[in-house]
Amino acid sequence: MPTDEALVFIASKHTTPTHQRVLWRVSVEDAKKICSDSRTASPHYMLCFTTKNIDDPSAFVYVPDDGRHAEVLHDHNIRVIRDHTTRQPAAKPQPR
């Protein structure tokens, strides 16, 4: 089932965590902006996104955002739907 939301997660070199370490849940459009920005990659890690099984807690764990990419979020006007501080996903608009 296609979704218009994605999880942005940290992919680290030489690390294979049991769960993907998610920073934010955002729109797919915003995830593409974040992950294509050169500031979200280094020789040791990069930010990636997925739209598959994004509600599966056995595959993903939210981790605290250390603010390292705050400028990227600001520059692209990113709206975070969910992060480490959000216990539940934001309510989806109900059809009328």
Protein backbone atom coordinates (compact mmCIF):
# COMPACT_ATOMS: atom_id res chain seq x y z
CA MET A 1 0.00 0.00 0.00
CA PRO A 2 1.60 3.32 -1.03
CA THR A 3 2.08 5.98 1.58
CA ASP A 4 2.82 9.67 1.40
CA GLU A 5 4.92 9.47 4.56
CA ALA A 6 8.46 8.21 5.06
CA LEU A 7 10.92 7.53 7.84
CA VAL A 8 14.32 9.23 7.67
CA PHE A 9 16.91 7.01 9.33
CA ILE A 10 20.65 6.90 9.97
CA ALA A 11 22.74 4.45 7.96
CA SER A 12 26.22 4.16 9.49
CA LYS A 13 29.33 2.67 7.95
CA HIS A 14 30.55 -0.46 9.75
CA THR A 15 27.43 -0.61 11.96
CA THR A 16 24.56 -3.04 11.65
CA PRO A 17 21.96 -2.07 14.26
CA THR A 18 19.12 -4.47 14.98
CA HIS A 19 16.62 -1.71 14.28
CA GLN A 20 16.81 1.18 11.84
CA ARG A 21 17.55 4.32 13.86
CA VAL A 22 14.82 6.77 12.84
CA LEU A 23 15.20 10.51 13.31
CA TRP A 24 11.94 11.74 11.81
CA ARG A 25 8.71 10.79 10.12
CA VAL A 26 8.06 13.28 7.32
CA SER A 27 6.34 13.47 3.95
CA VAL A 28 8.00 11.56 1.10
CA GLU A 29 8.66 14.89 -0.62
CA ASP A 30 10.45 16.21 2.49
CA ALA A 31 12.39 12.95 2.92
CA LYS A 32 13.73 13.30 -0.62
CA LYS A 33 14.87 16.86 0.15
CA ILE A 34 16.61 15.80 3.36
CA CYS A 35 18.38 12.77 1.92
CA SER A 36 19.52 14.49 -1.25
CA ASP A 37 21.10 17.38 0.67
CA SER A 38 24.88 16.88 0.76
CA ARG A 39 24.97 18.02 4.40
CA THR A 40 23.21 14.80 5.50
CA ALA A 41 26.10 12.54 4.55
CA SER A 42 29.68 12.07 5.67
CA PRO A 43 32.33 9.41 5.23
CA HIS A 44 30.85 7.60 8.26
CA TYR A 45 27.06 7.88 7.85
CA MET A 46 24.24 9.14 5.67
CA LEU A 47 20.56 9.79 6.11
CA CYS A 48 18.26 7.57 4.07
CA PHE A 49 14.51 7.14 3.90
CA THR A 50 11.98 4.38 3.46
CA THR A 51 8.25 4.14 2.89
CA LYS A 52 8.05 0.39 3.61
CA ASN A 53 6.60 -0.92 6.87
CA ILE A 54 7.03 2.46 8.53
CA ASP A 55 4.64 1.55 11.37
CA ASP A 56 6.51 -1.64 12.32
CA PRO A 57 8.09 -1.15 15.77
CA SER A 58 10.10 -4.37 15.38
CA ALA A 59 12.04 -2.80 12.50
CA PHE A 60 12.38 0.84 13.56
CA VAL A 61 13.28 2.71 16.71
CA TYR A 62 13.17 6.50 17.08
CA VAL A 63 16.39 8.01 18.37
CA PRO A 64 16.98 11.52 19.71
CA ASP A 65 17.85 14.20 17.18
CA ASP A 66 21.07 15.92 18.28
CA GLY A 67 20.34 19.01 16.18
CA ARG A 68 23.12 18.28 13.70
CA HIS A 69 20.76 18.69 10.75
CA ALA A 70 18.61 21.53 12.09
CA GLU A 71 19.86 23.85 9.36
CA VAL A 72 18.87 21.34 6.67
CA LEU A 73 15.37 21.06 8.12
CA HIS A 74 15.10 24.83 8.32
CA ASP A 75 16.49 25.51 4.84
CA HIS A 76 14.05 23.06 3.22
CA ASN A 77 11.10 24.10 5.42
CA ILE A 78 10.64 20.50 6.62
CA ARG A 79 7.59 19.64 8.71
CA VAL A 80 8.38 16.77 11.08
CA ILE A 81 5.33 14.57 11.63
CA ARG A 82 6.92 12.46 14.36
CA ASP A 83 10.24 12.32 16.16
CA HIS A 84 11.75 10.88 19.35
CA THR A 85 9.80 13.31 21.53
CA THR A 86 6.45 12.42 19.97
CA ARG A 87 4.98 9.38 21.67
CA GLN A 88 2.26 8.83 19.07
CA PRO A 89 2.12 9.68 15.36
CA ALA A 90 0.32 12.89 14.51
CA ALA A 91 -3.38 12.40 13.91
CA LYS A 92 -4.24 11.95 10.27
CA PRO A 93 -6.97 14.18 8.86
CA GLN A 94 -10.31 12.37 8.81
CA PRO A 95 -12.24 12.25 5.52
CA ARG A 96 -15.41 14.30 5.49
